[in-house]
Amino acid sequence: MDDMARLRVKPPTTLTRVTDYVPQIAEFVQRIIDNGFAYAGGDGNVWFDKTTFGGALVQGSELKHEYAKLAPWSKGNKSLLAEGEGIPSHHYF
């Protein structure tokens, strides 16, 4: 906390540990999987399927959120995707 004070960052009002919230985190991750935005790997990891992040649908057809770097006009821009996340590894094989 001394480093933060030297940077003039206000101290937190509450300190929590992530281990206090493991059940809620597991439930949230399961909801992400159930909604088709991620899948469980055979190794116990959960992988996000970034191809599904074009937007979130509400009631099957109405687009509620667009995830294209918080700027809808950048949706589908491959150079921005490569800039932010790197080129997908399948391009190298």
PDB file of N, CA and C in Angstrom:
ATOM      1  N   MET A   1       0.814  -1.197   0.000  1.00  0.00           N
ATOM      2  CA  MET A   1       0.000   0.000   0.000  1.00  0.00           C
ATOM      3  C   MET A   1       0.860   1.263   0.000  1.00  0.00           C
ATOM      4  N   ASP A   2       2.114   1.153   0.462  1.00  0.00           N
ATOM      5  CA  ASP A   2       2.992   2.325   0.488  1.00  0.00           C
ATOM      6  C   ASP A   2       3.233   2.860  -0.917  1.00  0.00           C
ATOM      7  N   ASP A   3       3.417   1.954  -1.881  1.00  0.00           N
ATOM      8  CA  ASP A   3       3.629   2.392  -3.264  1.00  0.00           C
ATOM      9  C   ASP A   3       2.421   3.170  -3.775  1.00  0.00           C
ATOM     10  N   MET A   4       1.243   2.693  -3.461  1.00  0.00           N
ATOM     11  CA  MET A   4       0.031   3.369  -3.907  1.00  0.00           C
ATOM     12  C   MET A   4      -0.086   4.750  -3.257  1.00  0.00           C
ATOM     13  N   ALA A   5       0.290   4.852  -2.003  1.00  0.00           N
ATOM     14  CA  ALA A   5       0.241   6.142  -1.312  1.00  0.00           C
ATOM     15  C   ALA A   5       1.206   7.129  -1.966  1.00  0.00           C
ATOM     16  N   ARG A   6       2.376   6.638  -2.352  1.00  0.00           N
ATOM     17  CA  ARG A   6       3.340   7.524  -3.018  1.00  0.00           C
ATOM     18  C   ARG A   6       2.819   8.004  -4.369  1.00  0.00           C
ATOM     19  N   LEU A   7       1.957   7.209  -4.984  1.00  0.00           N
ATOM     20  CA  LEU A   7       1.345   7.611  -6.248  1.00  0.00           C
ATOM     21  C   LEU A   7       0.083   8.450  -6.034  1.00  0.00           C
ATOM     22  N   ARG A   8      -0.215   8.723  -4.771  1.00  0.00           N
ATOM     23  CA  ARG A   8      -1.383   9.505  -4.366  1.00  0.00           C
ATOM     24  C   ARG A   8      -2.705   8.834  -4.763  1.00  0.00           C
ATOM     25  N   VAL A   9      -2.698   7.504  -4.694  1.00  0.00           N
ATOM     26  CA  VAL A   9      -3.917   6.745  -4.921  1.00  0.00           C
ATOM     27  C   VAL A   9      -4.607   6.567  -3.573  1.00  0.00           C
ATOM     28  N   LYS A  10      -5.887   6.864  -3.538  1.00  0.00           N
ATOM     29  CA  LYS A  10      -6.625   6.735  -2.286  1.00  0.00           C
ATOM     30  C   LYS A  10      -6.656   5.271  -1.857  1.00  0.00           C
ATOM     31  N   PRO A  11      -6.558   5.022  -0.573  1.00  0.00           N
ATOM     32  CA  PRO A  11      -6.603   3.633  -0.096  1.00  0.00           C
ATOM     33  C   PRO A  11      -8.003   3.042  -0.274  1.00  0.00           C
ATOM     34  N   PRO A  12      -8.093   1.736  -0.445  1.00  0.00           N
ATOM     35  CA  PRO A  12      -9.416   1.122  -0.597  1.00  0.00           C
ATOM     36  C   PRO A  12     -10.202   1.190   0.703  1.00  0.00           C
ATOM     37  N   THR A  13     -11.495   1.231   0.587  1.00  0.00           N
ATOM     38  CA  THR A  13     -12.339   1.227   1.774  1.00  0.00           C
ATOM     39  C   THR A  13     -12.628  -0.200   2.244  1.00  0.00           C
ATOM     40  N   THR A  14     -12.464  -1.159   1.330  1.00  0.00           N
ATOM     41  CA  THR A  14     -12.707  -2.563   1.656  1.00  0.00           C
ATOM     42  C   THR A  14     -11.667  -3.420   0.955  1.00  0.00           C
ATOM     43  N   LEU A  15     -11.120  -4.378   1.660  1.00  0.00           N
ATOM     44  CA  LEU A  15     -10.211  -5.353   1.063  1.00  0.00           C
ATOM     45  C   LEU A  15     -10.913  -6.708   1.050  1.00  0.00           C
ATOM     46  N   THR A  16     -10.924  -7.353  -0.108  1.00  0.00           N
ATOM     47  CA  THR A  16     -11.535  -8.677  -0.216  1.00  0.00           C
ATOM     48  C   THR A  16     -10.542  -9.640  -0.837  1.00  0.00           C
ATOM     49  N   ARG A  17     -10.807 -10.900  -0.698  1.00  0.00           N
ATOM     50  CA  ARG A  17     -10.001 -11.949  -1.310  1.00  0.00           C
ATOM     51  C   ARG A  17     -10.867 -12.670  -2.339  1.00  0.00           C
ATOM     52  N   VAL A  18     -10.283 -12.949  -3.490  1.00  0.00           N
ATOM     53  CA  VAL A  18     -11.037 -13.636  -4.534  1.00  0.00           C
ATOM     54  C   VAL A  18     -11.512 -14.997  -4.056  1.00  0.00           C
ATOM     55  N   THR A  19     -10.771 -15.623  -3.160  1.00  0.00           N
ATOM     56  CA  THR A  19     -11.176 -16.935  -2.663  1.00  0.00           C
ATOM     57  C   THR A  19     -12.496 -16.881  -1.906  1.00  0.00           C
ATOM     58  N   ASP A  20     -12.901 -15.709  -1.447  1.00  0.00           N
ATOM     59  CA  ASP A  20     -14.198 -15.568  -0.784  1.00  0.00           C
ATOM     60  C   ASP A  20     -15.360 -15.675  -1.770  1.00  0.00           C
ATOM     61  N   TYR A  21     -15.069 -15.593  -3.069  1.00  0.00           N
ATOM     62  CA  TYR A  21     -16.112 -15.533  -4.083  1.00  0.00           C
ATOM     63  C   TYR A  21     -16.028 -16.662  -5.108  1.00  0.00           C
ATOM     64  N   VAL A  22     -15.297 -17.718  -4.822  1.00  0.00           N
ATOM     65  CA  VAL A  22     -15.129 -18.812  -5.777  1.00  0.00           C
ATOM     66  C   VAL A  22     -16.466 -19.404  -6.223  1.00  0.00           C
ATOM     67  N   PRO A  23     -17.421 -19.684  -5.338  1.00  0.00           N
ATOM     68  CA  PRO A  23     -18.697 -20.234  -5.810  1.00  0.00           C
ATOM     69  C   PRO A  23     -19.419 -19.303  -6.798  1.00  0.00           C
ATOM     70  N   GLN A  24     -19.414 -18.005  -6.527  1.00  0.00           N
ATOM     71  CA  GLN A  24     -20.071 -17.056  -7.431  1.00  0.00           C
ATOM     72  C   GLN A  24     -19.333 -16.983  -8.766  1.00  0.00           C
ATOM     73  N   ILE A  25     -18.011 -17.045  -8.728  1.00  0.00           N
ATOM     74  CA  ILE A  25     -17.228 -17.001  -9.967  1.00  0.00           C
ATOM     75  C   ILE A  25     -17.510 -18.242 -10.803  1.00  0.00           C
ATOM     76  N   ALA A  26     -17.541 -19.411 -10.171  1.00  0.00           N
ATOM     77  CA  ALA A  26     -17.819 -20.659 -10.886  1.00  0.00           C
ATOM     78  C   ALA A  26     -19.208 -20.617 -11.521  1.00  0.00           C
ATOM     79  N   GLU A  27     -20.188 -20.080 -10.796  1.00  0.00           N
ATOM     80  CA  GLU A  27     -21.544 -19.961 -11.330  1.00  0.00           C
ATOM     81  C   GLU A  27     -21.576 -19.012 -12.528  1.00  0.00           C
ATOM     82  N   PHE A  28     -20.858 -17.906 -12.432  1.00  0.00           N
ATOM     83  CA  PHE A  28     -20.811 -16.930 -13.525  1.00  0.00           C
ATOM     84  C   PHE A  28     -20.164 -17.540 -14.767  1.00  0.00           C
ATOM     85  N   VAL A  29     -19.063 -18.261 -14.575  1.00  0.00           N
ATOM     86  CA  VAL A  29     -18.385 -18.907 -15.705  1.00  0.00           C
ATOM     87  C   VAL A  29     -19.306 -19.940 -16.338  1.00  0.00           C
ATOM     88  N   GLN A  30     -20.043 -20.679 -15.535  1.00  0.00           N
ATOM     89  CA  GLN A  30     -20.988 -21.660 -16.082  1.00  0.00           C
ATOM     90  C   GLN A  30     -22.056 -20.980 -16.928  1.00  0.00           C
ATOM     91  N   ARG A  31     -22.524 -19.811 -16.500  1.00  0.00           N
ATOM     92  CA  ARG A  31     -23.511 -19.055 -17.291  1.00  0.00           C
ATOM     93  C   ARG A  31     -22.924 -18.631 -18.626  1.00  0.00           C
ATOM     94  N   ILE A  32     -21.644 -18.251 -18.634  1.00  0.00           N
ATOM     95  CA  ILE A  32     -20.986 -17.872 -19.893  1.00  0.00           C
ATOM     96  C   ILE A  32     -20.939 -19.068 -20.836  1.00  0.00           C
ATOM     97  N   ILE A  33     -20.615 -20.243 -20.295  1.00  0.00           N
ATOM     98  CA  ILE A  33     -20.599 -21.470 -21.103  1.00  0.00           C
ATOM     99  C   ILE A  33     -22.003 -21.779 -21.609  1.00  0.00           C
ATOM    100  N   ASP A  34     -22.988 -21.732 -20.713  1.00  0.00           N
ATOM    101  CA  ASP A  34     -24.377 -22.036 -21.079  1.00  0.00           C
ATOM    102  C   ASP A  34     -24.893 -21.105 -22.166  1.00  0.00           C
ATOM    103  N   ASN A  35     -24.415 -19.872 -22.198  1.00  0.00           N
ATOM    104  CA  ASN A  35     -24.844 -18.906 -23.215  1.00  0.00           C
ATOM    105  C   ASN A  35     -24.058 -19.023 -24.519  1.00  0.00           C
ATOM    106  N   GLY A  36     -23.129 -19.975 -24.575  1.00  0.00           N
ATOM    107  CA  GLY A  36     -22.410 -20.232 -25.818  1.00  0.00           C
ATOM    108  C   GLY A  36     -21.223 -19.331 -26.088  1.00  0.00           C
ATOM    109  N   PHE A  37     -20.764 -18.581 -25.086  1.00  0.00           N
ATOM    110  CA  PHE A  37     -19.637 -17.681 -25.292  1.00  0.00           C
ATOM    111  C   PHE A  37     -18.303 -18.300 -24.878  1.00  0.00           C
ATOM    112  N   ALA A  38     -18.339 -19.497 -24.317  1.00  0.00           N
ATOM    113  CA  ALA A  38     -17.117 -20.180 -23.891  1.00  0.00           C
ATOM    114  C   ALA A  38     -17.389 -21.671 -23.895  1.00  0.00           C
ATOM    115  N   TYR A  39     -16.326 -22.457 -23.785  1.00  0.00           N
ATOM    116  CA  TYR A  39     -16.470 -23.899 -23.730  1.00  0.00           C
ATOM    117  C   TYR A  39     -15.425 -24.463 -22.785  1.00  0.00           C
ATOM    118  N   ALA A  40     -15.759 -25.581 -22.179  1.00  0.00           N
ATOM    119  CA  ALA A  40     -14.846 -26.238 -21.255  1.00  0.00           C
ATOM    120  C   ALA A  40     -13.875 -27.099 -22.049  1.00  0.00           C
ATOM    121  N   GLY A  41     -12.586 -26.921 -21.785  1.00  0.00           N
ATOM    122  CA  GLY A  41     -11.576 -27.742 -22.423  1.00  0.00           C
ATOM    123  C   GLY A  41     -11.439 -29.060 -21.675  1.00  0.00           C
ATOM    124  N   GLY A  42     -10.854 -30.043 -22.302  1.00  0.00           N
ATOM    125  CA  GLY A  42     -10.677 -31.333 -21.660  1.00  0.00           C
ATOM    126  C   GLY A  42      -9.681 -31.307 -20.520  1.00  0.00           C
ATOM    127  N   ASP A  43      -8.946 -30.213 -20.404  1.00  0.00           N
ATOM    128  CA  ASP A  43      -7.903 -30.106 -19.383  1.00  0.00           C
ATOM    129  C   ASP A  43      -8.380 -29.370 -18.132  1.00  0.00           C
ATOM    130  N   GLY A  44      -9.681 -29.081 -18.043  1.00  0.00           N
ATOM    131  CA  GLY A  44     -10.211 -28.382 -16.880  1.00  0.00           C
ATOM    132  C   GLY A  44     -10.261 -26.874 -17.049  1.00  0.00           C
ATOM    133  N   ASN A  45      -9.733 -26.351 -18.140  1.00  0.00           N
ATOM    134  CA  ASN A  45      -9.773 -24.917 -18.405  1.00  0.00           C
ATOM    135  C   ASN A  45     -11.063 -24.553 -19.132  1.00  0.00           C
ATOM    136  N   VAL A  46     -11.423 -23.283 -19.063  1.00  0.00           N
ATOM    137  CA  VAL A  46     -12.547 -22.749 -19.823  1.00  0.00           C
ATOM    138  C   VAL A  46     -11.970 -21.766 -20.827  1.00  0.00           C
ATOM    139  N   TRP A  47     -12.380 -21.924 -22.068  1.00  0.00           N
ATOM    140  CA  TRP A  47     -11.866 -21.094 -23.152  1.00  0.00           C
ATOM    141  C   TRP A  47     -12.979 -20.227 -23.706  1.00  0.00           C
ATOM    142  N   PHE A  48     -12.716 -18.939 -23.870  1.00  0.00           N
ATOM    143  CA  PHE A  48     -13.684 -18.040 -24.463  1.00  0.00           C
ATOM    144  C   PHE A  48     -13.646 -18.208 -25.972  1.00  0.00           C
ATOM    145  N   ASP A  49     -14.804 -18.256 -26.578  1.00  0.00           N
ATOM    146  CA  ASP A  49     -14.922 -18.361 -28.026  1.00  0.00           C
ATOM    147  C   ASP A  49     -15.105 -16.962 -28.579  1.00  0.00           C
ATOM    148  N   LYS A  50     -13.998 -16.326 -28.958  1.00  0.00           N
ATOM    149  CA  LYS A  50     -14.089 -14.923 -29.357  1.00  0.00           C
ATOM    150  C   LYS A  50     -14.855 -14.721 -30.650  1.00  0.00           C
ATOM    151  N   THR A  51     -15.091 -15.786 -31.414  1.00  0.00           N
ATOM    152  CA  THR A  51     -15.907 -15.622 -32.622  1.00  0.00           C
ATOM    153  C   THR A  51     -17.357 -15.332 -32.283  1.00  0.00           C
ATOM    154  N   THR A  52     -17.782 -15.612 -31.043  1.00  0.00           N
ATOM    155  CA  THR A  52     -19.161 -15.356 -30.637  1.00  0.00           C
ATOM    156  C   THR A  52     -19.372 -13.939 -30.136  1.00  0.00           C
ATOM    157  N   PHE A  53     -18.320 -13.140 -30.043  1.00  0.00           N
ATOM    158  CA  PHE A  53     -18.427 -11.823 -29.440  1.00  0.00           C
ATOM    159  C   PHE A  53     -18.720 -10.725 -30.446  1.00  0.00           C
ATOM    160  N   GLY A  54     -19.468 -11.030 -31.495  1.00  0.00           N
ATOM    161  CA  GLY A  54     -19.913  -9.983 -32.399  1.00  0.00           C
ATOM    162  C   GLY A  54     -20.995  -9.146 -31.750  1.00  0.00           C
ATOM    163  N   GLY A  55     -21.660  -9.697 -30.770  1.00  0.00           N
ATOM    164  CA  GLY A  55     -22.717  -9.001 -30.058  1.00  0.00           C
ATOM    165  C   GLY A  55     -23.535  -9.981 -29.257  1.00  0.00           C
ATOM    166  N   ALA A  56     -24.277  -9.490 -28.326  1.00  0.00           N
ATOM    167  CA  ALA A  56     -25.137 -10.333 -27.503  1.00  0.00           C
ATOM    168  C   ALA A  56     -26.584 -10.118 -27.933  1.00  0.00           C
ATOM    169  N   LEU A  57     -27.288 -11.200 -28.158  1.00  0.00           N
ATOM    170  CA  LEU A  57     -28.664 -11.109 -28.609  1.00  0.00           C
ATOM    171  C   LEU A  57     -29.631 -11.169 -27.434  1.00  0.00           C
ATOM    172  N   VAL A  58     -30.695 -10.425 -27.567  1.00  0.00           N
ATOM    173  CA  VAL A  58     -31.760 -10.448 -26.573  1.00  0.00           C
ATOM    174  C   VAL A  58     -33.010 -10.964 -27.279  1.00  0.00           C
ATOM    175  N   GLN A  59     -33.670 -11.939 -26.712  1.00  0.00           N
ATOM    176  CA  GLN A  59     -34.876 -12.538 -27.273  1.00  0.00           C
ATOM    177  C   GLN A  59     -34.660 -13.013 -28.701  1.00  0.00           C
ATOM    178  N   GLY A  60     -33.445 -13.533 -28.974  1.00  0.00           N
ATOM    179  CA  GLY A  60     -33.185 -14.193 -30.242  1.00  0.00           C
ATOM    180  C   GLY A  60     -32.795 -13.342 -31.422  1.00  0.00           C
ATOM    181  N   SER A  61     -33.167 -12.064 -31.472  1.00  0.00           N
ATOM    182  CA  SER A  61     -32.849 -11.313 -32.683  1.00  0.00           C
ATOM    183  C   SER A  61     -32.394  -9.880 -32.448  1.00  0.00           C
ATOM    184  N   GLU A  62     -32.783  -9.279 -31.356  1.00  0.00           N
ATOM    185  CA  GLU A  62     -32.433  -7.881 -31.090  1.00  0.00           C
ATOM    186  C   GLU A  62     -31.028  -7.803 -30.507  1.00  0.00           C
ATOM    187  N   LEU A  63     -30.136  -7.022 -31.145  1.00  0.00           N
ATOM    188  CA  LEU A  63     -28.761  -6.879 -30.677  1.00  0.00           C
ATOM    189  C   LEU A  63     -28.727  -5.936 -29.485  1.00  0.00           C
ATOM    190  N   LYS A  64     -28.254  -6.447 -28.352  1.00  0.00           N
ATOM    191  CA  LYS A  64     -28.216  -5.642 -27.138  1.00  0.00           C
ATOM    192  C   LYS A  64     -26.864  -4.968 -26.966  1.00  0.00           C
ATOM    193  N   HIS A  65     -25.787  -5.705 -27.165  1.00  0.00           N
ATOM    194  CA  HIS A  65     -24.446  -5.170 -26.967  1.00  0.00           C
ATOM    195  C   HIS A  65     -23.590  -5.473 -28.184  1.00  0.00           C
ATOM    196  N   GLU A  66     -22.726  -4.564 -28.548  1.00  0.00           N
ATOM    197  CA  GLU A  66     -21.699  -4.822 -29.542  1.00  0.00           C
ATOM    198  C   GLU A  66     -20.367  -4.691 -28.840  1.00  0.00           C
ATOM    199  N   TYR A  67     -19.469  -5.643 -29.075  1.00  0.00           N
ATOM    200  CA  TYR A  67     -18.231  -5.701 -28.322  1.00  0.00           C
ATOM    201  C   TYR A  67     -17.012  -5.205 -29.104  1.00  0.00           C
ATOM    202  N   ALA A  68     -17.199  -4.616 -30.227  1.00  0.00           N
ATOM    203  CA  ALA A  68     -16.083  -4.227 -31.081  1.00  0.00           C
ATOM    204  C   ALA A  68     -15.327  -3.040 -30.487  1.00  0.00           C
ATOM    205  N   LYS A  69     -14.482  -3.334 -29.501  1.00  0.00           N
ATOM    206  CA  LYS A  69     -13.674  -2.310 -28.841  1.00  0.00           C
ATOM    207  C   LYS A  69     -14.513  -1.114 -28.404  1.00  0.00           C
ATOM    208  N   LEU A  70     -15.730  -1.372 -28.003  1.00  0.00           N
ATOM    209  CA  LEU A  70     -16.662  -0.352 -27.526  1.00  0.00           C
ATOM    210  C   LEU A  70     -16.983   0.698 -28.585  1.00  0.00           C
ATOM    211  N   ALA A  71     -16.682   0.392 -29.829  1.00  0.00           N
ATOM    212  CA  ALA A  71     -16.996   1.302 -30.925  1.00  0.00           C
ATOM    213  C   ALA A  71     -17.662   0.476 -32.024  1.00  0.00           C
ATOM    214  N   PRO A  72     -18.971   0.552 -32.166  1.00  0.00           N
ATOM    215  CA  PRO A  72     -19.672  -0.308 -33.114  1.00  0.00           C
ATOM    216  C   PRO A  72     -19.119  -0.258 -34.537  1.00  0.00           C
ATOM    217  N   TRP A  73     -18.613   0.871 -34.991  1.00  0.00           N
ATOM    218  CA  TRP A  73     -18.104   0.980 -36.354  1.00  0.00           C
ATOM    219  C   TRP A  73     -16.811   0.188 -36.561  1.00  0.00           C
ATOM    220  N   SER A  74     -16.183  -0.273 -35.476  1.00  0.00           N
ATOM    221  CA  SER A  74     -14.953  -1.049 -35.631  1.00  0.00           C
ATOM    222  C   SER A  74     -15.222  -2.550 -35.716  1.00  0.00           C
ATOM    223  N   LYS A  75     -16.483  -2.951 -35.634  1.00  0.00           N
ATOM    224  CA  LYS A  75     -16.846  -4.364 -35.691  1.00  0.00           C
ATOM    225  C   LYS A  75     -16.353  -4.987 -36.991  1.00  0.00           C
ATOM    226  N   GLY A  76     -15.679  -6.107 -36.867  1.00  0.00           N
ATOM    227  CA  GLY A  76     -15.179  -6.820 -38.035  1.00  0.00           C
ATOM    228  C   GLY A  76     -13.852  -6.309 -38.561  1.00  0.00           C
ATOM    229  N   ASN A  77     -13.271  -5.295 -37.935  1.00  0.00           N
ATOM    230  CA  ASN A  77     -12.005  -4.739 -38.382  1.00  0.00           C
ATOM    231  C   ASN A  77     -10.870  -5.649 -37.908  1.00  0.00           C
ATOM    232  N   LYS A  78     -10.341  -6.459 -38.822  1.00  0.00           N
ATOM    233  CA  LYS A  78      -9.328  -7.464 -38.475  1.00  0.00           C
ATOM    234  C   LYS A  78      -8.033  -6.824 -37.968  1.00  0.00           C
ATOM    235  N   SER A  79      -7.668  -5.654 -38.462  1.00  0.00           N
ATOM    236  CA  SER A  79      -6.427  -5.031 -38.002  1.00  0.00           C
ATOM    237  C   SER A  79      -6.545  -4.587 -36.546  1.00  0.00           C
ATOM    238  N   LEU A  80      -7.724  -4.098 -36.131  1.00  0.00           N
ATOM    239  CA  LEU A  80      -7.916  -3.746 -34.731  1.00  0.00           C
ATOM    240  C   LEU A  80      -7.890  -4.982 -33.843  1.00  0.00           C
ATOM    241  N   LEU A  81      -8.449  -6.073 -34.337  1.00  0.00           N
ATOM    242  CA  LEU A  81      -8.428  -7.315 -33.581  1.00  0.00           C
ATOM    243  C   LEU A  81      -6.990  -7.786 -33.387  1.00  0.00           C
ATOM    244  N   ALA A  82      -6.206  -7.748 -34.453  1.00  0.00           N
ATOM    245  CA  ALA A  82      -4.806  -8.171 -34.365  1.00  0.00           C
ATOM    246  C   ALA A  82      -4.013  -7.252 -33.448  1.00  0.00           C
ATOM    247  N   GLU A  83      -4.322  -5.952 -33.473  1.00  0.00           N
ATOM    248  CA  GLU A  83      -3.635  -4.987 -32.623  1.00  0.00           C
ATOM    249  C   GLU A  83      -3.906  -5.253 -31.146  1.00  0.00           C
ATOM    250  N   GLY A  84      -5.154  -5.558 -30.836  1.00  0.00           N
ATOM    251  CA  GLY A  84      -5.533  -5.736 -29.439  1.00  0.00           C
ATOM    252  C   GLY A  84      -5.267  -7.116 -28.895  1.00  0.00           C
ATOM    253  N   GLU A  85      -5.393  -8.143 -29.721  1.00  0.00           N
ATOM    254  CA  GLU A  85      -5.293  -9.502 -29.226  1.00  0.00           C
ATOM    255  C   GLU A  85      -4.246 -10.325 -29.952  1.00  0.00           C
ATOM    256  N   GLY A  86      -3.614  -9.776 -30.947  1.00  0.00           N
ATOM    257  CA  GLY A  86      -2.666 -10.555 -31.734  1.00  0.00           C
ATOM    258  C   GLY A  86      -3.403 -11.333 -32.804  1.00  0.00           C
ATOM    259  N   ILE A  87      -2.662 -11.774 -33.776  1.00  0.00           N
ATOM    260  CA  ILE A  87      -3.248 -12.553 -34.862  1.00  0.00           C
ATOM    261  C   ILE A  87      -3.546 -13.944 -34.333  1.00  0.00           C
ATOM    262  N   PRO A  88      -4.736 -14.485 -34.607  1.00  0.00           N
ATOM    263  CA  PRO A  88      -5.056 -15.823 -34.113  1.00  0.00           C
ATOM    264  C   PRO A  88      -3.999 -16.834 -34.540  1.00  0.00           C
ATOM    265  N   SER A  89      -3.677 -17.762 -33.657  1.00  0.00           N
ATOM    266  CA  SER A  89      -2.578 -18.682 -33.891  1.00  0.00           C
ATOM    267  C   SER A  89      -2.790 -19.593 -35.085  1.00  0.00           C
ATOM    268  N   HIS A  90      -4.040 -19.824 -35.472  1.00  0.00           N
ATOM    269  CA  HIS A  90      -4.253 -20.730 -36.607  1.00  0.00           C
ATOM    270  C   HIS A  90      -3.696 -20.163 -37.912  1.00  0.00           C
ATOM    271  N   HIS A  91      -3.366 -18.876 -37.955  1.00  0.00           N
ATOM    272  CA  HIS A  91      -2.766 -18.282 -39.148  1.00  0.00           C
ATOM    273  C   HIS A  91      -1.319 -18.758 -39.328  1.00  0.00           C
ATOM    274  N   TYR A  92      -0.721 -19.293 -38.300  1.00  0.00           N
ATOM    275  CA  TYR A  92       0.673 -19.712 -38.374  1.00  0.00           C
ATOM    276  C   TYR A  92       0.835 -21.168 -38.745  1.00  0.00           C
ATOM    277  N   PHE A  93      -0.254 -21.907 -38.813  1.00  0.00           N
ATOM    278  CA  PHE A  93      -0.148 -23.345 -39.069  1.00  0.00           C
ATOM    279  C   PHE A  93      -0.712 -23.705 -40.417  1.00  0.00           C
TER     280      PHE A  93
END
